[in-house]
Amino acid sequence: MKLVRVGPEGGERPAVLADDGTPLDLSGITSDIDGAFLADGLGRARRALEAGDLPALAAGRVGPPLARPGKIVCIGLNFRDHAEETGAEPPAEPVVFMKAPNTVVGPDDGVRIPRDSVKTDYEVELAVVLGGRARYLESPEAARELIAGYAISNDVSEREFQLERGGTWDKGKSCETFNPFGPWLVTAEEVSDPQDLSLRLWVNGELRQDGTTKNMIFGVDHLVWYLSRFMVLEPGDVINTGTPAGVALGRPGEPYLRPGDVVEVEIDGLGRQRQVVS
């Protein structure tokens, strides 16, 4: 299933996409697409979709497909080519940092350059959304059944804040609008191999990032297992799994994002985003 939330900011309605792309209203089944729904409501939604019991919703703004993410846990330097372009050694263990949940906006909502920013950057990433509780998992194989689905994240970053202002990554990652998310939350059974997805990002029509999740240093299942050794992951938590080469940080002389720039982001099977920078 492709889960989506349609409507004005703060007033989105939960929906699932029909085969022709029409959003079908899930509000008779759940008040929203959140952690509680992902933990126990996906079966009800699937049965209602198959039975043809869901009314159509009028098309409109697409919001983030997950309401109120619990945690956004991010993995740095997780693509071999991205580590190389930044001059970093491939990490022996996942590099973990956090991103504030209120950075999440819709896939086509605008991105705001923060005050005093000179190095606002882009990062296409595969986002993993939890549908079960992960605590001290025994193995990476145990992770797969706890994943509700996958989505696109643009892990927008302010590199000066991140790297030159005290060395704490979180403050370069948590500015408002710094996580365009969606358009869909594609449930796990529709993604046959999360380690075989192409990721692309354009700025003003120029292809900047063109990678594949085959190039991840640590795969999706490993990341869920690894994080469960250090924190409890809950339904509705999000893991941003890293970005391929091509970010402005790794392209000497490449301008960082400026007002008026248009960023477009795409992952195979997960849809496409478009943001105007202001």
Protein backbone atom coordinates (compact mmCIF):
# COMPACT_ATOMS: atom_id res chain seq x y z
CA MET A 1 0.00 0.00 0.00
CA LYS A 2 0.96 3.61 -0.52
CA LEU A 3 -0.17 5.66 2.47
CA VAL A 4 -0.57 9.40 2.06
CA ARG A 5 -1.98 12.39 3.96
CA VAL A 6 -3.90 14.96 1.93
CA GLY A 7 -5.00 18.45 2.93
CA PRO A 8 -3.81 21.77 4.31
CA GLU A 9 -1.03 21.89 6.88
CA GLY A 10 -2.43 20.75 10.21
CA GLY A 11 -5.61 19.44 8.58
CA GLU A 12 -4.36 16.48 6.56
CA ARG A 13 -6.62 13.44 6.16
CA PRO A 14 -5.19 9.91 6.11
CA ALA A 15 -5.53 8.07 2.83
CA VAL A 16 -4.29 5.18 0.74
CA LEU A 17 -3.68 5.44 -2.99
CA ALA A 18 -5.81 3.45 -5.41
CA ASP A 19 -4.12 1.82 -8.40
CA ASP A 20 -4.96 4.89 -10.52
CA GLY A 21 -3.44 7.26 -7.94
CA THR A 22 -6.72 8.46 -6.43
CA PRO A 23 -6.44 9.05 -2.66
CA LEU A 24 -9.01 6.97 -0.75
CA ASP A 25 -10.10 8.24 2.65
CA LEU A 26 -8.93 6.23 5.69
CA SER A 27 -10.48 8.53 8.29
CA GLY A 28 -13.22 5.98 8.99
CA ILE A 29 -10.50 3.54 10.06
CA THR A 30 -7.97 5.81 11.77
CA SER A 31 -7.77 9.43 12.83
CA ASP A 32 -4.31 9.69 11.31
CA ILE A 33 -1.27 7.78 10.06
CA ASP A 34 0.84 7.63 13.19
CA GLY A 35 2.73 5.14 15.30
CA ALA A 36 -0.40 3.59 16.80
CA PHE A 37 -1.92 3.01 13.36
CA LEU A 38 1.31 1.50 12.01
CA ALA A 39 1.47 -0.87 14.96
CA ASP A 40 -2.00 -2.34 14.58
CA GLY A 41 -4.03 -0.70 11.83
CA LEU A 42 -2.36 -1.66 8.56
CA GLY A 43 -4.36 -4.87 8.28
CA ARG A 44 -7.67 -3.01 8.64
CA ALA A 45 -6.65 -0.53 5.97
CA ARG A 46 -5.57 -3.29 3.61
CA ARG A 47 -8.85 -5.17 4.03
CA ALA A 48 -10.90 -2.01 3.43
CA LEU A 49 -8.89 -1.22 0.31
CA GLU A 50 -9.36 -4.72 -1.07
CA ALA A 51 -13.09 -4.62 -0.31
CA GLY A 52 -13.53 -1.31 -2.15
CA ASP A 53 -15.05 0.31 0.95
CA LEU A 54 -13.05 3.56 0.95
CA PRO A 55 -14.45 6.81 -0.49
CA ALA A 56 -12.33 8.98 -2.74
CA LEU A 57 -10.75 12.19 -1.48
CA ALA A 58 -10.39 15.31 -3.57
CA ALA A 59 -6.83 15.90 -4.70
CA GLY A 60 -4.96 18.61 -2.85
CA ARG A 61 -1.75 19.38 -1.02
CA VAL A 62 0.16 16.26 -0.02
CA GLY A 63 1.50 16.45 3.51
CA PRO A 64 4.09 14.22 5.15
CA PRO A 65 2.73 10.66 5.13
CA LEU A 66 3.47 10.15 8.84
CA ALA A 67 1.93 12.34 11.53
CA ARG A 68 4.01 13.15 14.61
CA PRO A 69 7.15 11.05 14.11
CA GLY A 70 8.49 9.92 17.45
CA LYS A 71 12.24 10.08 16.81
CA ILE A 72 14.20 10.81 13.66
CA VAL A 73 17.46 8.90 13.95
CA CYS A 74 20.00 9.68 11.22
CA ILE A 75 23.00 7.77 9.95
CA GLY A 76 25.99 9.75 8.71
CA LEU A 77 28.58 8.73 6.12
CA ASN A 78 26.68 5.55 5.26
CA PHE A 79 27.42 5.53 1.51
CA ARG A 80 30.93 4.66 0.42
CA ASP A 81 31.03 7.33 -2.28
CA HIS A 82 29.73 10.03 0.09
CA ALA A 83 32.36 9.20 2.72
CA GLU A 84 34.99 9.41 -0.02
CA GLU A 85 33.82 12.78 -1.34
CA THR A 86 33.96 14.31 2.16
CA GLY A 87 37.45 12.92 2.82
CA ALA A 88 36.25 10.67 5.65
CA GLU A 89 37.25 7.08 6.27
CA PRO A 90 34.34 4.63 5.98
CA PRO A 91 33.09 4.20 9.56
CA ALA A 92 33.61 0.94 11.42
CA GLU A 93 30.21 1.38 13.08
CA PRO A 94 27.21 3.49 12.08
CA VAL A 95 27.56 7.22 12.79
CA VAL A 96 24.39 8.17 14.67
CA PHE A 97 22.83 11.57 15.27
CA MET A 98 19.32 12.88 15.85
CA LYS A 99 17.12 15.27 13.92
CA ALA A 100 14.24 17.13 15.58
CA PRO A 101 10.85 15.58 14.62
CA ASN A 102 9.35 19.02 13.95
CA THR A 103 11.68 19.45 10.97
CA VAL A 104 9.27 17.28 8.97
CA VAL A 105 7.26 19.01 6.23
CA GLY A 106 5.41 17.79 3.18
CA PRO A 107 7.27 16.61 0.08
CA ASP A 108 6.45 19.74 -1.91
CA ASP A 109 6.51 22.27 0.93
CA GLY A 110 9.16 24.97 0.84
CA VAL A 111 12.58 24.76 2.49
CA ARG A 112 13.67 27.83 4.44
CA ILE A 113 17.31 28.84 4.66
CA PRO A 114 17.98 29.59 8.35
CA ARG A 115 19.09 32.99 9.57
CA ASP A 116 22.87 33.44 9.27
CA SER A 117 23.18 30.35 7.08
CA VAL A 118 25.84 30.25 4.37
CA LYS A 119 25.98 26.48 3.73
CA THR A 120 22.50 24.99 3.46
CA ASP A 121 22.85 21.63 1.69
CA TYR A 122 20.60 18.82 0.39
CA GLU A 123 20.68 15.04 0.89
CA VAL A 124 18.38 12.47 -0.71
CA GLU A 125 17.85 9.59 1.71
CA LEU A 126 15.86 6.40 2.11
CA ALA A 127 13.75 6.71 5.27
CA VAL A 128 12.75 3.61 7.22
CA VAL A 129 9.58 3.85 9.32
CA LEU A 130 9.10 1.51 12.27
CA GLY A 131 5.86 -0.37 12.80
CA GLY A 132 6.97 -2.39 15.82
CA ARG A 133 9.07 -1.99 18.94
CA ALA A 134 12.77 -2.74 18.52
CA ARG A 135 14.69 -3.34 21.75
CA TYR A 136 17.91 -5.38 21.95
CA LEU A 137 17.16 -7.32 18.78
CA GLU A 138 18.99 -10.62 18.54
CA SER A 139 20.03 -10.22 14.92
CA PRO A 140 19.58 -8.01 11.84
CA GLU A 141 17.17 -10.61 10.46
CA ALA A 142 14.79 -9.84 13.34
CA ALA A 143 14.48 -6.24 12.16
CA ARG A 144 12.60 -6.83 8.93
CA GLU A 145 9.26 -7.73 10.51
CA LEU A 146 9.33 -4.49 12.55
CA ILE A 147 9.55 -2.19 9.53
CA ALA A 148 6.21 -0.68 8.51
CA GLY A 149 7.48 0.88 5.31
CA TYR A 150 9.75 3.25 3.46
CA ALA A 151 9.65 6.86 2.28
CA ILE A 152 11.85 9.60 0.85
CA SER A 153 13.61 12.06 3.16
CA ASN A 154 15.51 15.13 2.04
CA ASP A 155 17.89 15.47 5.00
CA VAL A 156 18.55 19.18 4.56
CA SER A 157 21.68 20.27 6.46
CA GLU A 158 23.46 23.51 7.35
CA ARG A 159 27.12 22.53 7.07
CA GLU A 160 28.60 25.48 8.95
CA PHE A 161 26.25 24.89 11.87
CA GLN A 162 26.96 21.16 11.66
CA LEU A 163 30.74 21.13 11.29
CA GLU A 164 32.17 24.53 12.20
CA ARG A 165 30.10 25.72 15.17
CA GLY A 166 31.16 23.45 18.02
CA GLY A 167 31.13 20.05 16.38
CA THR A 168 27.61 18.92 17.28
CA TRP A 169 25.81 17.69 14.18
CA ASP A 170 22.26 17.98 15.51
CA LYS A 171 22.06 21.77 15.34
CA GLY A 172 23.00 21.73 11.65
CA LYS A 173 20.24 19.21 10.99
CA SER A 174 17.29 20.45 13.05
CA CYS A 175 16.37 23.83 11.55
CA GLU A 176 12.72 24.26 10.59
CA THR A 177 11.63 22.66 7.29
CA PHE A 178 14.85 20.59 7.18
CA ASN A 179 13.14 17.23 6.52
CA PRO A 180 10.79 17.18 3.52
CA PHE A 181 9.20 13.74 3.79
CA GLY A 182 7.09 11.64 1.43
CA PRO A 183 5.03 11.83 -0.72
CA TRP A 184 4.09 8.29 0.27
CA LEU A 185 4.79 5.80 3.01
CA VAL A 186 5.12 2.62 0.96
CA THR A 187 4.44 -0.43 3.10
CA ALA A 188 7.25 -2.92 3.43
CA GLU A 189 5.74 -5.72 1.36
CA GLU A 190 5.84 -3.47 -1.74
CA VAL A 191 9.61 -2.92 -1.49
CA SER A 192 11.13 -6.26 -2.39
CA ASP A 193 14.73 -5.22 -1.70
CA PRO A 194 15.51 -1.96 0.11
CA GLN A 195 19.17 -2.50 -0.80
CA ASP A 196 18.43 -2.17 -4.52
CA LEU A 197 16.84 1.27 -4.90
CA SER A 198 18.11 4.16 -7.01
CA LEU A 199 18.17 7.64 -5.44
CA ARG A 200 18.37 10.89 -7.40
CA LEU A 201 18.35 14.62 -6.63
CA TRP A 202 18.34 17.64 -8.92
CA VAL A 203 18.96 21.33 -8.18
CA ASN A 204 17.48 23.70 -10.78
CA GLY A 205 17.23 20.79 -13.20
CA GLU A 206 20.87 19.70 -12.80
CA LEU A 207 21.34 16.14 -11.59
CA ARG A 208 23.51 16.38 -8.47
CA GLN A 209 23.01 12.99 -6.77
CA ASP A 210 22.57 9.68 -8.58
CA GLY A 211 23.19 6.67 -6.35
CA THR A 212 21.91 3.32 -5.20
CA THR A 213 21.26 1.79 -1.81
CA LYS A 214 23.54 -1.07 -2.92
CA ASN A 215 26.32 1.35 -1.97
CA MET A 216 25.29 1.57 1.69
CA ILE A 217 27.98 0.58 4.16
CA PHE A 218 25.39 -0.61 6.68
CA GLY A 219 22.11 -1.96 5.29
CA VAL A 220 18.61 -1.28 6.54
CA ASP A 221 18.24 -4.42 8.69
CA HIS A 222 21.67 -3.92 10.23
CA LEU A 223 20.82 -0.32 11.15
CA VAL A 224 17.58 -1.25 12.93
CA TRP A 225 19.35 -4.04 14.81
CA TYR A 226 22.32 -1.80 15.68
CA LEU A 227 20.20 1.10 16.94
CA SER A 228 18.13 -1.27 19.08
CA ARG A 229 21.30 -1.96 21.10
CA PHE A 230 21.48 1.69 22.16
CA MET A 231 17.89 2.97 22.22
CA VAL A 232 14.36 1.63 22.07
CA LEU A 233 12.78 2.20 18.68
CA GLU A 234 9.01 2.60 18.72
CA PRO A 235 6.28 2.48 16.05
CA GLY A 236 6.34 5.78 14.19
CA ASP A 237 10.08 6.34 14.63
CA VAL A 238 12.02 7.18 11.47
CA ILE A 239 15.57 6.25 10.44
CA ASN A 240 17.21 8.37 7.74
CA THR A 241 19.74 5.92 6.34
CA GLY A 242 22.35 8.15 4.68
CA THR A 243 23.00 9.85 1.35
CA PRO A 244 25.05 9.08 -1.76
CA ALA A 245 27.74 11.33 -3.25
CA GLY A 246 26.92 14.64 -4.87
CA VAL A 247 26.07 16.95 -1.97
CA ALA A 248 27.36 20.53 -2.17
CA LEU A 249 29.77 19.80 0.70
CA GLY A 250 31.57 17.28 -1.50
CA ARG A 251 31.67 19.42 -4.67
CA PRO A 252 34.34 22.14 -4.32
CA GLY A 253 33.12 25.39 -5.85
CA GLU A 254 29.50 24.19 -5.95
CA PRO A 255 27.15 26.82 -4.52
CA TYR A 256 25.04 25.84 -1.56
CA LEU A 257 21.29 26.31 -1.75
CA ARG A 258 20.06 29.86 -2.32
CA PRO A 259 16.60 31.49 -2.33
CA GLY A 260 14.73 30.59 -5.49
CA ASP A 261 16.50 27.26 -6.03
CA VAL A 262 14.29 24.29 -6.88
CA VAL A 263 15.22 20.90 -5.42
CA GLU A 264 13.67 17.71 -6.83
CA VAL A 265 14.15 14.34 -5.14
CA GLU A 266 13.26 10.82 -6.27
CA ILE A 267 13.66 7.20 -5.14
CA ASP A 268 12.52 4.26 -7.25
CA GLY A 269 9.01 3.20 -6.25
CA LEU A 270 8.70 5.78 -3.48
CA GLY A 271 7.64 8.83 -5.47
CA ARG A 272 9.09 12.28 -6.06
CA GLN A 273 9.45 15.55 -4.14
CA ARG A 274 9.85 19.19 -5.21
CA GLN A 275 10.84 22.06 -2.94
CA VAL A 276 11.36 25.76 -3.62
CA VAL A 277 14.02 27.28 -1.37
CA SER A 278 13.36 30.61 0.34
